[in-house]
Amino acid sequence: MNPIQKDELYENISQFLKNKGIELKEGSYTKGIHAGCSLLADAINLSQTGLERAKTGIEKKFDQVRQVIHQKTAPPKPPVAAARPPAPNGKPKATASAKLKSKSKGPKRKR
């Protein structure tokens, strides 16, 4: 939103009243109306600035909340398998579990 100029509000009110048949002539009451319009314009401008600042702050906090929720609800990452270095002869080492599996076939039966 563009800021409201202090005289702009008074001019618009003067024009509105003029269209309704009331003309503001220079005097003590018009100075009071002009001062009131100036204060109102300042209040509107300051509140608009504050609202924009609050909106920015709230958006930052929402982003932080979303990030925390995402971190807490995201599925766990699968464990990374440790890379085993190859054996010196170029063949991969047989692990202890692989050795057990090959030996645990049970006794051989004759047919």
N, C-alpha and C. Protein backbone atom coordinates (compact mmCIF):
# COMPACT_ATOMS: atom_id res chain seq x y z
N MET A 1 0.85 -1.18 0.00
CA MET A 1 0.00 0.00 0.00
C MET A 1 0.89 1.24 0.00
N ASN A 2 0.51 2.21 -0.78
CA ASN A 2 1.25 3.47 -0.82
C ASN A 2 0.87 4.29 0.41
N PRO A 3 1.84 5.00 0.99
CA PRO A 3 1.51 5.84 2.16
C PRO A 3 0.59 6.99 1.77
N ILE A 4 -0.22 7.39 2.71
CA ILE A 4 -1.17 8.50 2.50
C ILE A 4 -0.46 9.79 2.87
N GLN A 5 -0.51 10.76 1.98
CA GLN A 5 0.06 12.07 2.25
C GLN A 5 -0.86 12.82 3.23
N LYS A 6 -0.27 13.65 4.09
CA LYS A 6 -1.06 14.35 5.11
C LYS A 6 -2.13 15.26 4.50
N ASP A 7 -1.78 15.98 3.45
CA ASP A 7 -2.74 16.90 2.83
C ASP A 7 -3.74 16.16 1.93
N GLU A 8 -3.37 14.98 1.48
CA GLU A 8 -4.22 14.22 0.56
C GLU A 8 -5.56 13.86 1.20
N LEU A 9 -5.52 13.43 2.44
CA LEU A 9 -6.76 13.05 3.13
C LEU A 9 -7.67 14.27 3.33
N TYR A 10 -7.09 15.39 3.72
CA TYR A 10 -7.88 16.61 3.91
C TYR A 10 -8.50 17.07 2.60
N GLU A 11 -7.73 17.01 1.51
CA GLU A 11 -8.25 17.43 0.21
C GLU A 11 -9.40 16.54 -0.25
N ASN A 12 -9.27 15.24 -0.02
CA ASN A 12 -10.34 14.33 -0.40
C ASN A 12 -11.61 14.57 0.42
N ILE A 13 -11.45 14.84 1.71
CA ILE A 13 -12.63 15.13 2.54
C ILE A 13 -13.26 16.45 2.13
N SER A 14 -12.42 17.45 1.84
CA SER A 14 -12.95 18.75 1.38
C SER A 14 -13.73 18.59 0.09
N GLN A 15 -13.19 17.81 -0.84
CA GLN A 15 -13.88 17.59 -2.12
C GLN A 15 -15.19 16.81 -1.91
N PHE A 16 -15.16 15.81 -1.03
CA PHE A 16 -16.36 15.04 -0.73
C PHE A 16 -17.46 15.95 -0.16
N LEU A 17 -17.08 16.78 0.81
CA LEU A 17 -18.06 17.69 1.42
C LEU A 17 -18.55 18.72 0.41
N LYS A 18 -17.67 19.17 -0.47
CA LYS A 18 -18.05 20.15 -1.49
C LYS A 18 -19.10 19.55 -2.43
N ASN A 19 -18.92 18.26 -2.78
CA ASN A 19 -19.90 17.58 -3.63
C ASN A 19 -21.25 17.42 -2.93
N LYS A 20 -21.23 17.40 -1.59
CA LYS A 20 -22.46 17.29 -0.81
C LYS A 20 -23.07 18.66 -0.51
N GLY A 21 -22.41 19.71 -0.95
CA GLY A 21 -22.95 21.06 -0.76
C GLY A 21 -22.35 21.80 0.43
N ILE A 22 -21.30 21.27 1.03
CA ILE A 22 -20.66 21.92 2.19
C ILE A 22 -19.25 22.32 1.77
N GLU A 23 -19.00 23.63 1.83
CA GLU A 23 -17.67 24.10 1.44
C GLU A 23 -16.91 24.50 2.70
N LEU A 24 -15.67 23.99 2.80
CA LEU A 24 -14.82 24.34 3.94
C LEU A 24 -14.05 25.61 3.60
N LYS A 25 -14.29 26.66 4.39
CA LYS A 25 -13.56 27.92 4.20
C LYS A 25 -12.51 28.01 5.29
N GLU A 26 -11.44 28.77 4.98
CA GLU A 26 -10.36 28.92 5.95
C GLU A 26 -10.89 29.50 7.25
N GLY A 27 -10.49 28.84 8.33
CA GLY A 27 -10.91 29.30 9.65
C GLY A 27 -10.36 28.36 10.70
N SER A 28 -10.78 28.61 11.94
CA SER A 28 -10.26 27.80 13.04
C SER A 28 -10.73 26.35 12.94
N TYR A 29 -11.98 26.14 12.50
CA TYR A 29 -12.48 24.75 12.43
C TYR A 29 -11.79 23.96 11.32
N THR A 30 -11.43 24.65 10.21
CA THR A 30 -10.74 23.92 9.13
C THR A 30 -9.31 23.54 9.54
N LYS A 31 -8.69 24.37 10.39
CA LYS A 31 -7.37 24.02 10.90
C LYS A 31 -7.44 22.78 11.77
N GLY A 32 -8.50 22.68 12.57
CA GLY A 32 -8.71 21.49 13.40
C GLY A 32 -8.97 20.25 12.56
N ILE A 33 -9.77 20.40 11.51
CA ILE A 33 -10.06 19.28 10.61
C ILE A 33 -8.78 18.86 9.89
N HIS A 34 -8.00 19.85 9.45
CA HIS A 34 -6.74 19.55 8.77
C HIS A 34 -5.79 18.81 9.70
N ALA A 35 -5.69 19.26 10.96
CA ALA A 35 -4.81 18.59 11.93
C ALA A 35 -5.30 17.16 12.19
N GLY A 36 -6.62 16.98 12.29
CA GLY A 36 -7.19 15.64 12.50
C GLY A 36 -6.89 14.71 11.33
N CYS A 37 -7.02 15.26 10.12
CA CYS A 37 -6.71 14.46 8.92
C CYS A 37 -5.24 14.09 8.88
N SER A 38 -4.38 15.01 9.31
CA SER A 38 -2.95 14.74 9.34
C SER A 38 -2.63 13.62 10.34
N LEU A 39 -3.23 13.69 11.53
CA LEU A 39 -3.02 12.64 12.53
C LEU A 39 -3.56 11.30 12.05
N LEU A 40 -4.71 11.32 11.40
CA LEU A 40 -5.30 10.08 10.88
C LEU A 40 -4.41 9.47 9.80
N ALA A 41 -3.85 10.29 8.92
CA ALA A 41 -2.95 9.79 7.88
C ALA A 41 -1.70 9.17 8.50
N ASP A 42 -1.15 9.83 9.52
CA ASP A 42 0.03 9.27 10.21
C ASP A 42 -0.31 7.93 10.86
N ALA A 43 -1.47 7.86 11.52
CA ALA A 43 -1.88 6.63 12.19
C ALA A 43 -2.07 5.49 11.18
N ILE A 44 -2.67 5.79 10.06
CA ILE A 44 -2.89 4.77 9.01
C ILE A 44 -1.55 4.30 8.47
N ASN A 45 -0.64 5.22 8.19
CA ASN A 45 0.67 4.85 7.64
C ASN A 45 1.47 4.00 8.63
N LEU A 46 1.47 4.40 9.90
CA LEU A 46 2.21 3.65 10.91
C LEU A 46 1.61 2.26 11.12
N SER A 47 0.29 2.18 11.15
CA SER A 47 -0.33 0.87 11.36
C SER A 47 -0.07 -0.04 10.17
N GLN A 48 -0.07 0.51 8.97
CA GLN A 48 0.22 -0.29 7.78
C GLN A 48 1.65 -0.82 7.82
N THR A 49 2.58 0.01 8.23
CA THR A 49 3.98 -0.42 8.36
C THR A 49 4.11 -1.52 9.41
N GLY A 50 3.42 -1.34 10.55
CA GLY A 50 3.45 -2.35 11.60
C GLY A 50 2.85 -3.67 11.16
N LEU A 51 1.75 -3.59 10.41
CA LEU A 51 1.12 -4.82 9.91
C LEU A 51 2.03 -5.55 8.93
N GLU A 52 2.71 -4.83 8.08
CA GLU A 52 3.63 -5.47 7.14
C GLU A 52 4.78 -6.14 7.87
N ARG A 53 5.31 -5.47 8.91
CA ARG A 53 6.39 -6.04 9.70
C ARG A 53 5.92 -7.28 10.44
N ALA A 54 4.71 -7.22 11.01
CA ALA A 54 4.16 -8.37 11.71
C ALA A 54 3.93 -9.54 10.75
N LYS A 55 3.45 -9.25 9.57
CA LYS A 55 3.21 -10.30 8.57
C LYS A 55 4.52 -11.00 8.22
N THR A 56 5.59 -10.24 8.03
CA THR A 56 6.88 -10.82 7.72
C THR A 56 7.37 -11.70 8.86
N GLY A 57 7.22 -11.22 10.08
CA GLY A 57 7.64 -12.00 11.25
C GLY A 57 6.85 -13.29 11.40
N ILE A 58 5.54 -13.21 11.18
CA ILE A 58 4.70 -14.39 11.29
C ILE A 58 5.05 -15.40 10.21
N GLU A 59 5.32 -14.94 8.99
CA GLU A 59 5.71 -15.85 7.92
C GLU A 59 7.01 -16.57 8.25
N LYS A 60 7.97 -15.86 8.86
CA LYS A 60 9.23 -16.50 9.26
C LYS A 60 8.98 -17.57 10.32
N LYS A 61 8.14 -17.26 11.30
CA LYS A 61 7.84 -18.23 12.36
C LYS A 61 7.10 -19.44 11.79
N PHE A 62 6.17 -19.22 10.86
CA PHE A 62 5.47 -20.34 10.23
C PHE A 62 6.44 -21.24 9.48
N ASP A 63 7.40 -20.63 8.79
CA ASP A 63 8.40 -21.42 8.08
C ASP A 63 9.21 -22.27 9.06
N GLN A 64 9.55 -21.70 10.22
CA GLN A 64 10.28 -22.46 11.23
C GLN A 64 9.44 -23.61 11.76
N VAL A 65 8.15 -23.35 12.02
CA VAL A 65 7.26 -24.39 12.51
C VAL A 65 7.11 -25.50 11.47
N ARG A 66 6.94 -25.12 10.22
CA ARG A 66 6.84 -26.12 9.15
C ARG A 66 8.09 -26.98 9.07
N GLN A 67 9.25 -26.36 9.22
CA GLN A 67 10.50 -27.09 9.16
C GLN A 67 10.61 -28.09 10.31
N VAL A 68 10.23 -27.67 11.51
CA VAL A 68 10.28 -28.56 12.67
C VAL A 68 9.32 -29.72 12.49
N ILE A 69 8.11 -29.43 12.02
CA ILE A 69 7.12 -30.49 11.79
C ILE A 69 7.65 -31.46 10.74
N HIS A 70 8.25 -30.94 9.69
CA HIS A 70 8.80 -31.79 8.63
C HIS A 70 9.89 -32.70 9.19
N GLN A 71 10.76 -32.13 10.02
CA GLN A 71 11.85 -32.92 10.58
C GLN A 71 11.33 -34.01 11.52
N LYS A 72 10.29 -33.69 12.29
CA LYS A 72 9.76 -34.65 13.26
C LYS A 72 8.92 -35.74 12.60
N THR A 73 8.29 -35.44 11.48
CA THR A 73 7.37 -36.40 10.86
C THR A 73 7.95 -37.09 9.63
N ALA A 74 9.12 -36.68 9.19
CA ALA A 74 9.72 -37.29 8.00
C ALA A 74 10.12 -38.73 8.33
N PRO A 75 9.99 -39.63 7.37
CA PRO A 75 10.40 -41.01 7.63
C PRO A 75 11.91 -41.06 7.86
N PRO A 76 12.36 -41.99 8.71
CA PRO A 76 13.79 -42.05 8.98
C PRO A 76 14.56 -42.47 7.74
N LYS A 77 15.75 -41.99 7.63
CA LYS A 77 16.59 -42.33 6.50
C LYS A 77 17.11 -43.75 6.68
N PRO A 78 17.22 -44.52 5.61
CA PRO A 78 17.77 -45.87 5.75
C PRO A 78 19.23 -45.78 6.15
N PRO A 79 19.70 -46.77 6.96
CA PRO A 79 21.11 -46.72 7.37
C PRO A 79 22.02 -46.92 6.17
N VAL A 80 23.10 -46.22 6.18
CA VAL A 80 24.05 -46.29 5.08
C VAL A 80 24.97 -47.47 5.35
N ALA A 81 25.07 -48.41 4.40
CA ALA A 81 25.94 -49.58 4.54
C ALA A 81 27.39 -49.12 4.42
N ALA A 82 28.20 -49.60 5.33
CA ALA A 82 29.61 -49.23 5.30
C ALA A 82 30.28 -49.95 4.14
N ALA A 83 31.02 -49.25 3.39
CA ALA A 83 31.72 -49.84 2.25
C ALA A 83 32.91 -50.64 2.76
N ARG A 84 33.00 -51.92 2.34
CA ARG A 84 34.10 -52.76 2.77
C ARG A 84 35.21 -52.68 1.71
N PRO A 85 36.43 -52.53 2.17
CA PRO A 85 37.51 -52.50 1.19
C PRO A 85 37.71 -53.89 0.60
N PRO A 86 38.06 -53.98 -0.67
CA PRO A 86 38.28 -55.29 -1.28
C PRO A 86 39.50 -55.98 -0.69
N ALA A 87 39.47 -57.30 -0.76
CA ALA A 87 40.60 -58.10 -0.25
C ALA A 87 41.83 -57.83 -1.11
N PRO A 88 43.00 -58.10 -0.58
CA PRO A 88 44.23 -57.83 -1.34
C PRO A 88 44.29 -58.57 -2.67
N ASN A 89 43.66 -59.74 -2.79
CA ASN A 89 43.72 -60.47 -4.06
C ASN A 89 42.66 -60.02 -5.04
N GLY A 90 41.88 -58.97 -4.68
CA GLY A 90 40.88 -58.43 -5.59
C GLY A 90 39.50 -59.02 -5.41
N LYS A 91 39.39 -60.13 -4.64
CA LYS A 91 38.09 -60.74 -4.40
C LYS A 91 37.54 -60.18 -3.10
N PRO A 92 36.22 -59.97 -3.05
CA PRO A 92 35.67 -59.46 -1.79
C PRO A 92 35.76 -60.51 -0.71
N LYS A 93 35.96 -60.05 0.51
CA LYS A 93 36.04 -60.96 1.66
C LYS A 93 34.68 -61.57 1.93
N ALA A 94 34.68 -62.80 2.33
CA ALA A 94 33.44 -63.45 2.76
C ALA A 94 33.21 -63.05 4.20
N THR A 95 32.01 -62.62 4.50
CA THR A 95 31.71 -62.21 5.86
C THR A 95 31.45 -63.42 6.73
N ALA A 96 31.43 -63.20 8.03
CA ALA A 96 31.20 -64.29 8.97
C ALA A 96 29.82 -64.89 8.77
N SER A 97 28.83 -64.04 8.48
CA SER A 97 27.48 -64.57 8.28
C SER A 97 27.40 -65.39 7.01
N ALA A 98 28.13 -65.02 5.97
CA ALA A 98 28.13 -65.79 4.73
C ALA A 98 28.80 -67.15 4.94
N LYS A 99 29.86 -67.18 5.77
CA LYS A 99 30.53 -68.45 6.08
C LYS A 99 29.60 -69.37 6.85
N LEU A 100 28.86 -68.81 7.79
CA LEU A 100 27.93 -69.62 8.59
C LEU A 100 26.82 -70.18 7.71
N LYS A 101 26.33 -69.40 6.78
CA LYS A 101 25.26 -69.85 5.91
C LYS A 101 25.73 -71.02 5.04
N SER A 102 26.96 -70.95 4.56
CA SER A 102 27.44 -72.02 3.70
C SER A 102 27.71 -73.30 4.49
N LYS A 103 28.07 -73.19 5.75
CA LYS A 103 28.34 -74.36 6.58
C LYS A 103 27.09 -74.93 7.21
N SER A 104 26.05 -74.13 7.33
CA SER A 104 24.86 -74.59 8.05
C SER A 104 23.84 -75.25 7.15
N LYS A 105 24.26 -75.88 6.10
CA LYS A 105 23.32 -76.55 5.22
C LYS A 105 22.85 -77.86 5.83
N GLY A 106 23.51 -78.30 6.85
CA GLY A 106 23.10 -79.54 7.52
C GLY A 106 23.86 -80.74 6.96
N PRO A 107 23.65 -81.90 7.59
CA PRO A 107 24.35 -83.10 7.12
C PRO A 107 23.84 -83.55 5.77
N LYS A 108 24.74 -84.07 4.99
CA LYS A 108 24.36 -84.56 3.68
C LYS A 108 23.80 -85.96 3.82
N ARG A 109 22.75 -86.25 3.15
CA ARG A 109 22.11 -87.57 3.21
C ARG A 109 22.48 -88.37 1.96
N LYS A 110 22.58 -89.63 2.17
CA LYS A 110 22.86 -90.51 1.05
C LYS A 110 21.53 -90.93 0.44
N ARG A 111 21.55 -91.19 -0.80
CA ARG A 111 20.31 -91.61 -1.46
C ARG A 111 20.37 -93.03 -1.85
